[in-house]
Amino acid sequence: TLAERTNLAGVRHILLVLSGKGGVGKSTISTELALALRNAGKRVGILDVDLCGPSIPRMLRVQDSAVHQCDSGWVPVFVGQDKAIALMSIGFLLERPDDAVVWRGPKKNALIKQFVTDVAWGDLDFLIVDTPPGTSDEHISTVEALRPYQLLGAILVTTPQ
């Protein structure tokens, strides 16, 4: 549809951050990468599709923010004094940000697809996608939803053990 083409049309590069297990620092890497790119003068967005543990809003100290609707979908939360990082996370949609999300696959997959198509990112140099741990349905849904767009690549976060 037209909305799908337009909401990511202004995004030049999409980077996935993945790992095979939890607790290795994906969200930290995603956040630090976004901050480094912003400090280099780039326009950056973070899409937090870690539905079970959306930690990026807390890392960026915007966990009390709310997302709003506009004509082209959800407006992401803009982070920092310069509002240079756009962030979309399920954490903004929960009544209590620390709530765990216990959903079956189809509902999670539908939300991921909605996050990819219905967030009004505007013009970004980089969109960093923070994924949940493992190699689950969510990853397949994320990659399939992003397939029509220019995926720059993936960062695989590992630990020595």
N, C-alpha and C. Protein backbone atom coordinates (compact mmCIF):
# COMPACT_ATOMS: atom_id res chain seq x y z
N THR A 1 0.84 -1.19 0.00
CA THR A 1 0.00 0.00 0.00
C THR A 1 0.87 1.24 0.00
N LEU A 2 0.23 2.36 -0.25
CA LEU A 2 0.96 3.63 -0.31
C LEU A 2 1.57 4.00 1.04
N ALA A 3 0.81 3.77 2.13
CA ALA A 3 1.31 4.12 3.47
C ALA A 3 2.57 3.33 3.80
N GLU A 4 2.62 2.05 3.40
CA GLU A 4 3.80 1.24 3.67
C GLU A 4 5.02 1.82 2.96
N ARG A 5 4.81 2.26 1.71
CA ARG A 5 5.93 2.82 0.96
C ARG A 5 6.37 4.15 1.55
N THR A 6 5.40 4.95 1.99
CA THR A 6 5.78 6.30 2.39
C THR A 6 6.40 6.38 3.78
N ASN A 7 5.97 5.56 4.75
CA ASN A 7 6.50 5.72 6.11
C ASN A 7 7.98 5.35 6.23
N LEU A 8 8.47 4.45 5.40
CA LEU A 8 9.90 4.13 5.41
C LEU A 8 10.62 4.72 4.20
N ALA A 9 9.90 5.47 3.38
CA ALA A 9 10.50 6.02 2.16
C ALA A 9 11.65 6.98 2.48
N GLY A 10 11.56 7.69 3.61
CA GLY A 10 12.59 8.66 3.96
C GLY A 10 13.73 8.07 4.77
N VAL A 11 13.75 6.75 4.95
CA VAL A 11 14.80 6.08 5.75
C VAL A 11 15.86 5.56 4.80
N ARG A 12 17.10 6.05 4.95
CA ARG A 12 18.15 5.67 4.00
C ARG A 12 18.75 4.30 4.29
N HIS A 13 18.98 3.98 5.57
CA HIS A 13 19.62 2.70 5.92
C HIS A 13 18.90 2.08 7.12
N ILE A 14 18.67 0.76 7.06
CA ILE A 14 18.06 0.04 8.17
C ILE A 14 19.07 -1.00 8.67
N LEU A 15 19.30 -0.98 9.99
CA LEU A 15 20.25 -1.90 10.63
C LEU A 15 19.53 -2.74 11.67
N LEU A 16 19.64 -4.06 11.58
CA LEU A 16 19.07 -4.95 12.60
C LEU A 16 20.13 -5.27 13.64
N VAL A 17 19.73 -5.28 14.91
CA VAL A 17 20.63 -5.71 15.99
C VAL A 17 20.04 -7.00 16.56
N LEU A 18 20.81 -8.10 16.46
CA LEU A 18 20.31 -9.44 16.80
C LEU A 18 21.27 -10.16 17.73
N SER A 19 20.77 -11.22 18.38
CA SER A 19 21.63 -12.15 19.10
C SER A 19 20.91 -13.46 19.26
N GLY A 20 21.65 -14.50 19.56
CA GLY A 20 21.03 -15.80 19.75
C GLY A 20 20.48 -15.99 21.15
N LYS A 21 20.87 -15.13 22.08
CA LYS A 21 20.41 -15.30 23.47
C LYS A 21 20.17 -13.93 24.10
N GLY A 22 19.56 -13.95 25.26
CA GLY A 22 19.23 -12.69 25.94
C GLY A 22 20.37 -12.21 26.83
N GLY A 23 20.32 -10.95 27.21
CA GLY A 23 21.26 -10.40 28.17
C GLY A 23 22.66 -10.15 27.66
N VAL A 24 22.82 -10.07 26.33
CA VAL A 24 24.16 -9.86 25.79
C VAL A 24 24.44 -8.38 25.47
N GLY A 25 23.42 -7.54 25.56
CA GLY A 25 23.64 -6.11 25.35
C GLY A 25 23.12 -5.55 24.04
N LYS A 26 22.13 -6.21 23.44
CA LYS A 26 21.56 -5.69 22.18
C LYS A 26 21.01 -4.28 22.35
N SER A 27 20.23 -4.08 23.39
CA SER A 27 19.60 -2.76 23.58
C SER A 27 20.66 -1.70 23.88
N THR A 28 21.70 -2.08 24.62
CA THR A 28 22.79 -1.14 24.90
C THR A 28 23.52 -0.79 23.61
N ILE A 29 23.83 -1.79 22.79
CA ILE A 29 24.49 -1.55 21.50
C ILE A 29 23.62 -0.65 20.62
N SER A 30 22.32 -0.96 20.55
CA SER A 30 21.40 -0.17 19.73
C SER A 30 21.39 1.29 20.18
N THR A 31 21.31 1.48 21.50
CA THR A 31 21.26 2.83 22.06
C THR A 31 22.57 3.58 21.81
N GLU A 32 23.70 2.93 22.10
CA GLU A 32 25.00 3.58 21.93
C GLU A 32 25.27 3.89 20.46
N LEU A 33 24.87 2.98 19.58
CA LEU A 33 25.05 3.21 18.14
C LEU A 33 24.22 4.41 17.69
N ALA A 34 22.98 4.49 18.18
CA ALA A 34 22.12 5.63 17.83
C ALA A 34 22.73 6.94 18.32
N LEU A 35 23.24 6.93 19.56
CA LEU A 35 23.85 8.15 20.11
C LEU A 35 25.11 8.54 19.33
N ALA A 36 25.92 7.54 18.96
CA ALA A 36 27.14 7.83 18.19
C ALA A 36 26.80 8.40 16.81
N LEU A 37 25.81 7.81 16.16
CA LEU A 37 25.41 8.32 14.84
C LEU A 37 24.84 9.73 14.95
N ARG A 38 24.03 9.96 16.00
CA ARG A 38 23.49 11.30 16.20
C ARG A 38 24.61 12.30 16.43
N ASN A 39 25.61 11.90 17.23
CA ASN A 39 26.74 12.80 17.49
C ASN A 39 27.56 13.06 16.24
N ALA A 40 27.45 12.16 15.25
CA ALA A 40 28.13 12.35 13.96
C ALA A 40 27.26 13.17 13.00
N GLY A 41 26.14 13.68 13.50
CA GLY A 41 25.29 14.54 12.69
C GLY A 41 24.23 13.81 11.88
N LYS A 42 24.02 12.55 12.16
CA LYS A 42 23.02 11.77 11.42
C LYS A 42 21.65 11.86 12.09
N ARG A 43 20.60 11.68 11.28
CA ARG A 43 19.24 11.59 11.80
C ARG A 43 18.95 10.11 12.03
N VAL A 44 18.55 9.78 13.25
CA VAL A 44 18.50 8.38 13.65
C VAL A 44 17.14 8.04 14.26
N GLY A 45 16.68 6.83 13.99
CA GLY A 45 15.50 6.28 14.64
C GLY A 45 15.84 4.93 15.24
N ILE A 46 15.15 4.59 16.33
CA ILE A 46 15.29 3.26 16.91
C ILE A 46 13.90 2.64 16.95
N LEU A 47 13.78 1.44 16.38
CA LEU A 47 12.55 0.67 16.46
C LEU A 47 12.81 -0.48 17.42
N ASP A 48 12.18 -0.43 18.58
CA ASP A 48 12.39 -1.42 19.64
C ASP A 48 11.31 -2.49 19.50
N VAL A 49 11.65 -3.61 18.84
CA VAL A 49 10.67 -4.68 18.69
C VAL A 49 10.90 -5.80 19.71
N ASP A 50 11.65 -5.49 20.77
CA ASP A 50 11.81 -6.45 21.86
C ASP A 50 10.57 -6.36 22.73
N LEU A 51 9.54 -7.13 22.35
CA LEU A 51 8.22 -6.97 22.97
C LEU A 51 8.20 -7.42 24.43
N CYS A 52 9.07 -8.35 24.78
CA CYS A 52 9.04 -8.87 26.16
C CYS A 52 9.88 -8.04 27.12
N GLY A 53 10.82 -7.28 26.62
CA GLY A 53 11.66 -6.49 27.49
C GLY A 53 12.07 -5.19 26.83
N PRO A 54 11.12 -4.27 26.65
CA PRO A 54 11.45 -3.00 25.97
C PRO A 54 12.24 -2.06 26.88
N SER A 55 13.56 -2.15 26.83
CA SER A 55 14.39 -1.39 27.78
C SER A 55 14.90 -0.06 27.23
N ILE A 56 14.82 0.16 25.94
CA ILE A 56 15.39 1.38 25.36
C ILE A 56 14.72 2.66 25.88
N PRO A 57 13.38 2.68 26.06
CA PRO A 57 12.80 3.92 26.63
C PRO A 57 13.43 4.29 27.97
N ARG A 58 13.73 3.29 28.81
CA ARG A 58 14.35 3.58 30.10
C ARG A 58 15.79 4.05 29.91
N MET A 59 16.52 3.39 29.00
CA MET A 59 17.91 3.79 28.76
C MET A 59 18.02 5.24 28.30
N LEU A 60 17.03 5.68 27.53
CA LEU A 60 17.06 7.05 27.00
C LEU A 60 16.23 8.01 27.86
N ARG A 61 15.77 7.51 29.01
CA ARG A 61 15.03 8.30 30.00
C ARG A 61 13.76 8.94 29.42
N VAL A 62 13.04 8.18 28.61
CA VAL A 62 11.78 8.68 28.06
C VAL A 62 10.65 7.69 28.33
N GLN A 63 10.81 6.85 29.37
CA GLN A 63 9.82 5.78 29.63
C GLN A 63 8.43 6.32 29.97
N ASP A 64 8.33 7.59 30.36
CA ASP A 64 7.02 8.15 30.70
C ASP A 64 6.35 8.84 29.51
N SER A 65 6.97 8.74 28.34
CA SER A 65 6.42 9.40 27.15
C SER A 65 5.27 8.58 26.57
N ALA A 66 4.49 9.23 25.74
CA ALA A 66 3.39 8.55 25.05
C ALA A 66 3.53 8.80 23.56
N VAL A 67 3.08 7.84 22.76
CA VAL A 67 3.06 8.05 21.32
C VAL A 67 1.68 8.56 20.93
N HIS A 68 1.65 9.33 19.86
CA HIS A 68 0.40 9.92 19.39
C HIS A 68 0.14 9.47 17.97
N GLN A 69 -1.10 9.56 17.56
CA GLN A 69 -1.47 9.23 16.20
C GLN A 69 -1.40 10.48 15.34
N CYS A 70 -1.03 10.30 14.08
CA CYS A 70 -1.17 11.37 13.09
C CYS A 70 -1.75 10.73 11.84
N ASP A 71 -1.93 11.50 10.78
CA ASP A 71 -2.57 10.97 9.57
C ASP A 71 -1.85 9.75 9.02
N SER A 72 -0.52 9.72 9.14
CA SER A 72 0.22 8.61 8.53
C SER A 72 0.61 7.53 9.54
N GLY A 73 0.02 7.57 10.75
CA GLY A 73 0.29 6.51 11.72
C GLY A 73 0.73 7.05 13.06
N TRP A 74 1.58 6.28 13.74
CA TRP A 74 2.09 6.68 15.04
C TRP A 74 3.24 7.66 14.88
N VAL A 75 3.27 8.67 15.75
CA VAL A 75 4.40 9.58 15.79
C VAL A 75 5.37 9.04 16.84
N PRO A 76 6.63 8.78 16.46
CA PRO A 76 7.58 8.28 17.45
C PRO A 76 7.89 9.33 18.51
N VAL A 77 8.47 8.88 19.61
CA VAL A 77 8.91 9.80 20.66
C VAL A 77 10.28 10.34 20.26
N PHE A 78 10.46 11.66 20.36
CA PHE A 78 11.74 12.26 20.00
C PHE A 78 12.55 12.49 21.27
N VAL A 79 13.80 12.02 21.24
CA VAL A 79 14.63 11.90 22.43
C VAL A 79 15.71 12.98 22.46
N GLY A 80 15.99 13.48 23.65
CA GLY A 80 17.09 14.41 23.84
C GLY A 80 16.66 15.85 23.63
N GLN A 81 17.52 16.76 24.08
CA GLN A 81 17.19 18.18 23.95
C GLN A 81 17.06 18.59 22.50
N ASP A 82 17.87 17.98 21.63
CA ASP A 82 17.82 18.33 20.21
C ASP A 82 16.78 17.51 19.44
N LYS A 83 16.09 16.59 20.15
CA LYS A 83 15.04 15.76 19.53
C LYS A 83 15.58 15.02 18.30
N ALA A 84 16.85 14.62 18.34
CA ALA A 84 17.50 14.07 17.15
C ALA A 84 17.32 12.56 17.00
N ILE A 85 16.81 11.89 18.02
CA ILE A 85 16.59 10.45 17.90
C ILE A 85 15.09 10.17 18.02
N ALA A 86 14.53 9.52 17.00
CA ALA A 86 13.12 9.12 17.03
C ALA A 86 13.05 7.70 17.56
N LEU A 87 12.15 7.44 18.51
CA LEU A 87 12.08 6.11 19.13
C LEU A 87 10.65 5.61 19.13
N MET A 88 10.47 4.36 18.70
CA MET A 88 9.19 3.69 18.82
C MET A 88 9.41 2.38 19.57
N SER A 89 8.59 2.15 20.61
CA SER A 89 8.76 0.96 21.44
C SER A 89 7.41 0.54 21.98
N ILE A 90 7.24 -0.76 22.18
CA ILE A 90 6.01 -1.23 22.82
C ILE A 90 5.92 -0.70 24.25
N GLY A 91 7.06 -0.33 24.83
CA GLY A 91 7.05 0.23 26.18
C GLY A 91 6.14 1.44 26.30
N PHE A 92 5.97 2.19 25.20
CA PHE A 92 5.10 3.37 25.23
C PHE A 92 3.62 3.00 25.19
N LEU A 93 3.32 1.76 24.82
CA LEU A 93 1.92 1.35 24.65
C LEU A 93 1.39 0.59 25.86
N LEU A 94 2.26 0.28 26.81
CA LEU A 94 1.85 -0.47 27.99
C LEU A 94 1.40 0.48 29.09
N GLU A 95 0.45 0.05 29.89
CA GLU A 95 0.00 0.91 30.99
C GLU A 95 1.12 1.14 31.99
N ARG A 96 1.84 0.07 32.30
CA ARG A 96 3.01 0.20 33.18
C ARG A 96 4.21 -0.29 32.39
N PRO A 97 5.20 0.60 32.14
CA PRO A 97 6.30 0.26 31.23
C PRO A 97 7.06 -1.01 31.63
N ASP A 98 7.02 -1.40 32.90
CA ASP A 98 7.77 -2.58 33.31
C ASP A 98 6.96 -3.87 33.15
N ASP A 99 5.71 -3.75 32.69
CA ASP A 99 4.89 -4.95 32.48
C ASP A 99 5.54 -5.84 31.43
N ALA A 100 5.50 -7.14 31.68
CA ALA A 100 5.93 -8.10 30.65
C ALA A 100 4.77 -8.28 29.69
N VAL A 101 5.10 -8.50 28.43
CA VAL A 101 4.08 -8.74 27.43
C VAL A 101 4.02 -10.24 27.17
N VAL A 102 2.88 -10.84 27.44
CA VAL A 102 2.72 -12.27 27.20
C VAL A 102 1.67 -12.42 26.10
N TRP A 103 2.15 -12.55 24.87
CA TRP A 103 1.28 -12.67 23.73
C TRP A 103 1.67 -13.89 22.91
N ARG A 104 0.70 -14.44 22.21
CA ARG A 104 0.99 -15.51 21.27
C ARG A 104 1.54 -14.91 19.98
N GLY A 105 2.12 -15.78 19.17
CA GLY A 105 2.79 -15.36 17.94
C GLY A 105 2.03 -14.43 17.03
N PRO A 106 0.78 -14.77 16.64
CA PRO A 106 0.09 -13.93 15.65
C PRO A 106 -0.07 -12.48 16.10
N LYS A 107 -0.34 -12.28 17.39
CA LYS A 107 -0.52 -10.92 17.88
C LYS A 107 0.81 -10.17 17.87
N LYS A 108 1.89 -10.86 18.30
CA LYS A 108 3.22 -10.23 18.26
C LYS A 108 3.61 -9.88 16.83
N ASN A 109 3.37 -10.83 15.92
CA ASN A 109 3.76 -10.61 14.53
C ASN A 109 2.98 -9.45 13.92
N ALA A 110 1.69 -9.34 14.27
CA ALA A 110 0.87 -8.24 13.76
C ALA A 110 1.39 -6.90 14.27
N LEU A 111 1.80 -6.87 15.55
CA LEU A 111 2.31 -5.61 16.11
C LEU A 111 3.63 -5.22 15.44
N ILE A 112 4.51 -6.20 15.21
CA ILE A 112 5.78 -5.90 14.54
C ILE A 112 5.51 -5.33 13.15
N LYS A 113 4.60 -5.96 12.42
CA LYS A 113 4.27 -5.46 11.08
C LYS A 113 3.71 -4.04 11.17
N GLN A 114 2.88 -3.81 12.19
CA GLN A 114 2.32 -2.46 12.37
C GLN A 114 3.42 -1.46 12.71
N PHE A 115 4.38 -1.87 13.54
CA PHE A 115 5.49 -0.97 13.87
C PHE A 115 6.28 -0.61 12.61
N VAL A 116 6.47 -1.58 11.72
CA VAL A 116 7.25 -1.32 10.50
C VAL A 116 6.47 -0.40 9.56
N THR A 117 5.16 -0.62 9.43
CA THR A 117 4.41 0.12 8.41
C THR A 117 3.75 1.39 8.93
N ASP A 118 3.42 1.46 10.23
CA ASP A 118 2.55 2.53 10.72
C ASP A 118 3.24 3.59 11.58
N VAL A 119 4.57 3.63 11.57
CA VAL A 119 5.26 4.68 12.33
C VAL A 119 5.74 5.73 11.35
N ALA A 120 5.41 6.99 11.62
CA ALA A 120 5.77 8.10 10.73
C ALA A 120 7.19 8.57 11.06
N TRP A 121 8.18 7.91 10.46
CA TRP A 121 9.59 8.19 10.80
C TRP A 121 10.10 9.49 10.21
N GLY A 122 9.54 9.92 9.09
CA GLY A 122 10.08 11.10 8.43
C GLY A 122 11.40 10.75 7.76
N ASP A 123 12.30 11.72 7.65
CA ASP A 123 13.59 11.49 7.00
C ASP A 123 14.62 11.07 8.03
N LEU A 124 15.18 9.89 7.84
CA LEU A 124 16.22 9.37 8.74
C LEU A 124 17.39 8.88 7.90
N ASP A 125 18.60 9.06 8.43
CA ASP A 125 19.77 8.46 7.81
C ASP A 125 19.85 6.97 8.19
N PHE A 126 19.52 6.67 9.46
CA PHE A 126 19.59 5.30 9.96
C PHE A 126 18.38 4.97 10.81
N LEU A 127 17.82 3.76 10.61
CA LEU A 127 16.83 3.20 11.50
C LEU A 127 17.44 1.94 12.10
N ILE A 128 17.62 1.93 13.42
CA ILE A 128 18.21 0.79 14.12
C ILE A 128 17.06 -0.02 14.72
N VAL A 129 17.02 -1.31 14.40
CA VAL A 129 15.93 -2.18 14.87
C VAL A 129 16.50 -3.09 15.95
N ASP A 130 16.06 -2.88 17.18
CA ASP A 130 16.48 -3.70 18.33
C ASP A 130 15.52 -4.87 18.44
N THR A 131 16.02 -6.09 18.26
CA THR A 131 15.16 -7.27 18.23
C THR A 131 15.20 -8.01 19.56
N PRO A 132 14.21 -8.89 19.79
CA PRO A 132 14.25 -9.72 21.00
C PRO A 132 15.35 -10.78 20.88
N PRO A 133 15.70 -11.41 21.99
CA PRO A 133 16.71 -12.46 21.92
C PRO A 133 16.22 -13.68 21.16
N GLY A 134 17.16 -14.43 20.60
CA GLY A 134 16.82 -15.70 19.98
C GLY A 134 16.61 -15.62 18.49
N THR A 135 15.98 -16.65 17.97
CA THR A 135 15.71 -16.75 16.53
C THR A 135 14.26 -17.20 16.38
N SER A 136 13.36 -16.32 16.73
CA SER A 136 11.95 -16.70 16.84
C SER A 136 11.13 -16.12 15.70
N ASP A 137 9.83 -16.35 15.81
CA ASP A 137 8.85 -15.76 14.89
C ASP A 137 9.04 -14.27 14.72
N GLU A 138 9.36 -13.59 15.84
CA GLU A 138 9.48 -12.13 15.77
C GLU A 138 10.55 -11.71 14.76
N HIS A 139 11.65 -12.47 14.71
CA HIS A 139 12.72 -12.13 13.78
C HIS A 139 12.27 -12.32 12.34
N ILE A 140 11.58 -13.43 12.10
CA ILE A 140 11.09 -13.71 10.75
C ILE A 140 10.10 -12.62 10.35
N SER A 141 9.19 -12.26 11.27
CA SER A 141 8.21 -11.19 10.98
C SER A 141 8.91 -9.88 10.68
N THR A 142 9.92 -9.54 11.48
CA THR A 142 10.63 -8.27 11.29
C THR A 142 11.31 -8.24 9.94
N VAL A 143 12.05 -9.30 9.62
CA VAL A 143 12.79 -9.34 8.35
C VAL A 143 11.82 -9.33 7.17
N GLU A 144 10.72 -10.09 7.27
CA GLU A 144 9.77 -10.11 6.16
C GLU A 144 9.09 -8.76 5.98
N ALA A 145 8.78 -8.08 7.09
CA ALA A 145 8.14 -6.77 6.98
C ALA A 145 9.11 -5.74 6.39
N LEU A 146 10.40 -5.92 6.66
CA LEU A 146 11.40 -4.96 6.16
C LEU A 146 11.94 -5.33 4.78
N ARG A 147 11.59 -6.50 4.27
CA ARG A 147 12.16 -6.99 3.01
C ARG A 147 12.02 -6.01 1.85
N PRO A 148 10.89 -5.29 1.70
CA PRO A 148 10.78 -4.38 0.55
C PRO A 148 11.70 -3.16 0.65
N TYR A 149 12.34 -2.97 1.80
CA TYR A 149 13.13 -1.75 2.01
C TYR A 149 14.62 -2.08 1.94
N GLN A 150 15.41 -1.04 1.92
CA GLN A 150 16.86 -1.19 1.79
C GLN A 150 17.47 -1.55 3.14
N LEU A 151 17.66 -2.85 3.37
CA LEU A 151 18.27 -3.29 4.63
C LEU A 151 19.78 -3.18 4.48
N LEU A 152 20.40 -2.35 5.33
CA LEU A 152 21.84 -2.15 5.23
C LEU A 152 22.58 -3.39 5.73
N GLY A 153 22.08 -3.99 6.80
CA GLY A 153 22.74 -5.17 7.32
C GLY A 153 22.32 -5.44 8.74
N ALA A 154 23.08 -6.30 9.41
CA ALA A 154 22.76 -6.70 10.77
C ALA A 154 24.02 -6.68 11.62
N ILE A 155 23.82 -6.39 12.90
CA ILE A 155 24.89 -6.49 13.89
C ILE A 155 24.52 -7.64 14.79
N LEU A 156 25.37 -8.65 14.84
CA LEU A 156 25.12 -9.82 15.67
C LEU A 156 25.93 -9.66 16.96
N VAL A 157 25.23 -9.54 18.10
CA VAL A 157 25.88 -9.33 19.38
C VAL A 157 26.11 -10.69 20.03
N THR A 158 27.36 -10.97 20.37
CA THR A 158 27.70 -12.27 20.98
C THR A 158 28.51 -12.04 22.25
N THR A 159 28.61 -13.10 23.06
CA THR A 159 29.47 -13.07 24.25
C THR A 159 30.36 -14.32 24.23
N PRO A 160 31.49 -14.30 24.95
CA PRO A 160 32.46 -15.39 24.84
C PRO A 160 31.92 -16.77 25.24
N GLN A 161 30.94 -16.83 26.17
CA GLN A 161 30.54 -18.17 26.60
C GLN A 161 29.73 -18.88 25.55
